[in-house]
């Protein structure tokens, strides 16, 4: 078993001075913590993997392709591989668990 605590992951992400911390990588998937603070710009580009976002905290809008929706704690969003997507109008610091399948390269 591998178990993780969000507060410890957040501390590690901050210590590594990055918006994204991959903390699990297996044969068929990888998982990371993505952080964007209120008012920040999301620089993401389309990925070669399918993604699932689970919003742990914060508030924002997310656009996937031509669709846009509001997200907050508890929201889950699926993004197909190759589709343009980004968070925007981030009104509260955003912390998101990201699952990539297959693992992010």
C-alpha atoms as a PDB file:
ATOM      1  CA  UNK A   1       0.000   0.000   0.000  1.00  0.00           C
ATOM      2  CA  UNK A   2       1.017   3.576  -0.633  1.00  0.00           C
ATOM      3  CA  UNK A   3      -0.729   6.250   1.413  1.00  0.00           C
ATOM      4  CA  UNK A   4      -0.325  10.016   1.228  1.00  0.00           C
ATOM      5  CA  UNK A   5      -1.369  13.048   3.282  1.00  0.00           C
ATOM      6  CA  UNK A   6      -2.409  16.166   1.432  1.00  0.00           C
ATOM      7  CA  UNK A   7      -0.677  18.516   3.890  1.00  0.00           C
ATOM      8  CA  UNK A   8       2.621  16.632   3.426  1.00  0.00           C
ATOM      9  CA  UNK A   9       2.247  16.675  -0.366  1.00  0.00           C
ATOM     10  CA  UNK A  10       1.561  20.414  -0.298  1.00  0.00           C
ATOM     11  CA  UNK A  11       4.681  20.985   1.834  1.00  0.00           C
ATOM     12  CA  UNK A  12       6.787  18.904  -0.578  1.00  0.00           C
ATOM     13  CA  UNK A  13       5.359  20.772  -3.581  1.00  0.00           C
ATOM     14  CA  UNK A  14       6.239  24.114  -1.975  1.00  0.00           C
ATOM     15  CA  UNK A  15       9.738  22.889  -1.038  1.00  0.00           C
ATOM     16  CA  UNK A  16      10.304  21.911  -4.681  1.00  0.00           C
ATOM     17  CA  UNK A  17       9.118  25.372  -5.766  1.00  0.00           C
ATOM     18  CA  UNK A  18       6.691  24.175  -8.421  1.00  0.00           C
ATOM     19  CA  UNK A  19       3.006  24.271  -9.251  1.00  0.00           C
ATOM     20  CA  UNK A  20       2.905  20.497  -9.866  1.00  0.00           C
ATOM     21  CA  UNK A  21       4.182  17.593  -7.783  1.00  0.00           C
ATOM     22  CA  UNK A  22       3.929  14.065  -9.156  1.00  0.00           C
ATOM     23  CA  UNK A  23       3.769  11.812  -6.108  1.00  0.00           C
ATOM     24  CA  UNK A  24       2.736   8.455  -7.563  1.00  0.00           C
ATOM     25  CA  UNK A  25       3.773   6.728 -10.777  1.00  0.00           C
ATOM     26  CA  UNK A  26       2.661   3.227 -11.723  1.00  0.00           C
ATOM     27  CA  UNK A  27       2.529   1.254 -14.967  1.00  0.00           C
ATOM     28  CA  UNK A  28      -0.928   2.512 -16.025  1.00  0.00           C
ATOM     29  CA  UNK A  29      -1.242   5.877 -14.277  1.00  0.00           C
ATOM     30  CA  UNK A  30       0.431   8.712 -12.447  1.00  0.00           C
ATOM     31  CA  UNK A  31      -0.994  11.074  -9.827  1.00  0.00           C
ATOM     32  CA  UNK A  32       0.053  14.563  -8.841  1.00  0.00           C
ATOM     33  CA  UNK A  33      -0.965  17.656  -6.936  1.00  0.00           C
ATOM     34  CA  UNK A  34      -1.472  20.822  -9.002  1.00  0.00           C
ATOM     35  CA  UNK A  35      -1.654  24.236  -7.360  1.00  0.00           C
ATOM     36  CA  UNK A  36      -2.690  27.602  -8.734  1.00  0.00           C
ATOM     37  CA  UNK A  37      -3.229  30.588  -6.487  1.00  0.00           C
ATOM     38  CA  UNK A  38      -6.068  33.089  -6.824  1.00  0.00           C
ATOM     39  CA  UNK A  39      -5.574  35.284  -9.877  1.00  0.00           C
ATOM     40  CA  UNK A  40      -2.792  33.119 -11.359  1.00  0.00           C
ATOM     41  CA  UNK A  41      -2.590  32.086 -15.012  1.00  0.00           C
ATOM     42  CA  UNK A  42      -2.730  28.359 -15.875  1.00  0.00           C
ATOM     43  CA  UNK A  43       0.004  27.667 -18.464  1.00  0.00           C
ATOM     44  CA  UNK A  44      -1.136  24.121 -19.364  1.00  0.00           C
ATOM     45  CA  UNK A  45      -1.008  22.788 -22.886  1.00  0.00           C
ATOM     46  CA  UNK A  46      -2.824  19.643 -24.105  1.00  0.00           C
ATOM     47  CA  UNK A  47      -1.365  16.390 -22.782  1.00  0.00           C
ATOM     48  CA  UNK A  48      -0.907  13.049 -24.520  1.00  0.00           C
ATOM     49  CA  UNK A  49      -2.755  11.274 -21.698  1.00  0.00           C
ATOM     50  CA  UNK A  50      -6.333  11.220 -20.466  1.00  0.00           C
ATOM     51  CA  UNK A  51      -6.685  13.182 -17.217  1.00  0.00           C
ATOM     52  CA  UNK A  52      -9.059  13.305 -14.295  1.00  0.00           C
ATOM     53  CA  UNK A  53      -9.023  16.369 -12.037  1.00  0.00           C
ATOM     54  CA  UNK A  54     -10.380  16.182  -8.488  1.00  0.00           C
ATOM     55  CA  UNK A  55     -10.637  19.627  -6.877  1.00  0.00           C
ATOM     56  CA  UNK A  56      -9.476  19.402  -3.269  1.00  0.00           C
ATOM     57  CA  UNK A  57      -9.943  23.094  -2.484  1.00  0.00           C
ATOM     58  CA  UNK A  58     -10.487  26.458  -4.115  1.00  0.00           C
ATOM     59  CA  UNK A  59     -12.739  27.922  -6.780  1.00  0.00           C
ATOM     60  CA  UNK A  60     -12.219  28.552 -10.488  1.00  0.00           C
ATOM     61  CA  UNK A  61     -13.600  28.022 -13.942  1.00  0.00           C
ATOM     62  CA  UNK A  62     -12.195  25.309 -16.162  1.00  0.00           C
ATOM     63  CA  UNK A  63     -12.443  25.130 -19.929  1.00  0.00           C
ATOM     64  CA  UNK A  64     -12.059  21.828 -21.756  1.00  0.00           C
ATOM     65  CA  UNK A  65     -12.281  22.209 -25.502  1.00  0.00           C
ATOM     66  CA  UNK A  66     -15.235  24.538 -26.137  1.00  0.00           C
ATOM     67  CA  UNK A  67     -16.963  23.806 -22.804  1.00  0.00           C
ATOM     68  CA  UNK A  68     -16.553  25.797 -19.571  1.00  0.00           C
ATOM     69  CA  UNK A  69     -17.809  25.054 -16.068  1.00  0.00           C
ATOM     70  CA  UNK A  70     -17.302  26.304 -12.533  1.00  0.00           C
ATOM     71  CA  UNK A  71     -15.366  24.045 -10.160  1.00  0.00           C
ATOM     72  CA  UNK A  72     -14.915  23.983  -6.397  1.00  0.00           C
ATOM     73  CA  UNK A  73     -14.047  21.491  -3.663  1.00  0.00           C
ATOM     74  CA  UNK A  74     -15.385  18.073  -4.659  1.00  0.00           C
ATOM     75  CA  UNK A  75     -15.627  18.754  -8.406  1.00  0.00           C
ATOM     76  CA  UNK A  76     -14.350  16.064 -10.772  1.00  0.00           C
ATOM     77  CA  UNK A  77     -13.472  16.867 -14.395  1.00  0.00           C
ATOM     78  CA  UNK A  78     -12.386  14.474 -17.161  1.00  0.00           C
ATOM     79  CA  UNK A  79     -10.106  15.770 -19.929  1.00  0.00           C
ATOM     80  CA  UNK A  80      -9.491  13.527 -22.966  1.00  0.00           C
ATOM     81  CA  UNK A  81      -5.950  13.261 -24.304  1.00  0.00           C
ATOM     82  CA  UNK A  82      -5.011  16.004 -26.750  1.00  0.00           C
ATOM     83  CA  UNK A  83      -7.825  18.410 -25.817  1.00  0.00           C
ATOM     84  CA  UNK A  84      -6.953  22.011 -24.904  1.00  0.00           C
ATOM     85  CA  UNK A  85      -7.862  22.838 -21.305  1.00  0.00           C
ATOM     86  CA  UNK A  86      -7.072  25.282 -18.520  1.00  0.00           C
ATOM     87  CA  UNK A  87      -8.269  26.719 -15.263  1.00  0.00           C
ATOM     88  CA  UNK A  88      -9.120  30.431 -15.243  1.00  0.00           C
ATOM     89  CA  UNK A  89     -10.912  33.052 -13.148  1.00  0.00           C
ATOM     90  CA  UNK A  90      -9.302  31.455 -10.089  1.00  0.00           C
ATOM     91  CA  UNK A  91     -11.040  33.228  -7.209  1.00  0.00           C
ATOM     92  CA  UNK A  92      -9.713  31.025  -4.355  1.00  0.00           C
ATOM     93  CA  UNK A  93      -6.357  29.213  -4.208  1.00  0.00           C
ATOM     94  CA  UNK A  94      -6.855  26.006  -6.177  1.00  0.00           C
ATOM     95  CA  UNK A  95      -5.477  22.589  -5.184  1.00  0.00           C
ATOM     96  CA  UNK A  96      -6.255  19.747  -7.573  1.00  0.00           C
ATOM     97  CA  UNK A  97      -5.353  16.060  -7.620  1.00  0.00           C
ATOM     98  CA  UNK A  98      -4.517  15.034 -11.191  1.00  0.00           C
ATOM     99  CA  UNK A  99      -4.642  11.444 -12.449  1.00  0.00           C
ATOM    100  CA  UNK A 100      -2.959  10.740 -15.791  1.00  0.00           C
ATOM    101  CA  UNK A 101      -3.528   7.523 -17.704  1.00  0.00           C
ATOM    102  CA  UNK A 102      -1.199   6.289 -19.049  1.00  0.00           C
ATOM    103  CA  UNK A 103       1.406   7.924 -16.774  1.00  0.00           C
ATOM    104  CA  UNK A 104       2.553  11.405 -17.682  1.00  0.00           C
ATOM    105  CA  UNK A 105       5.843  11.288 -19.551  1.00  0.00           C
END
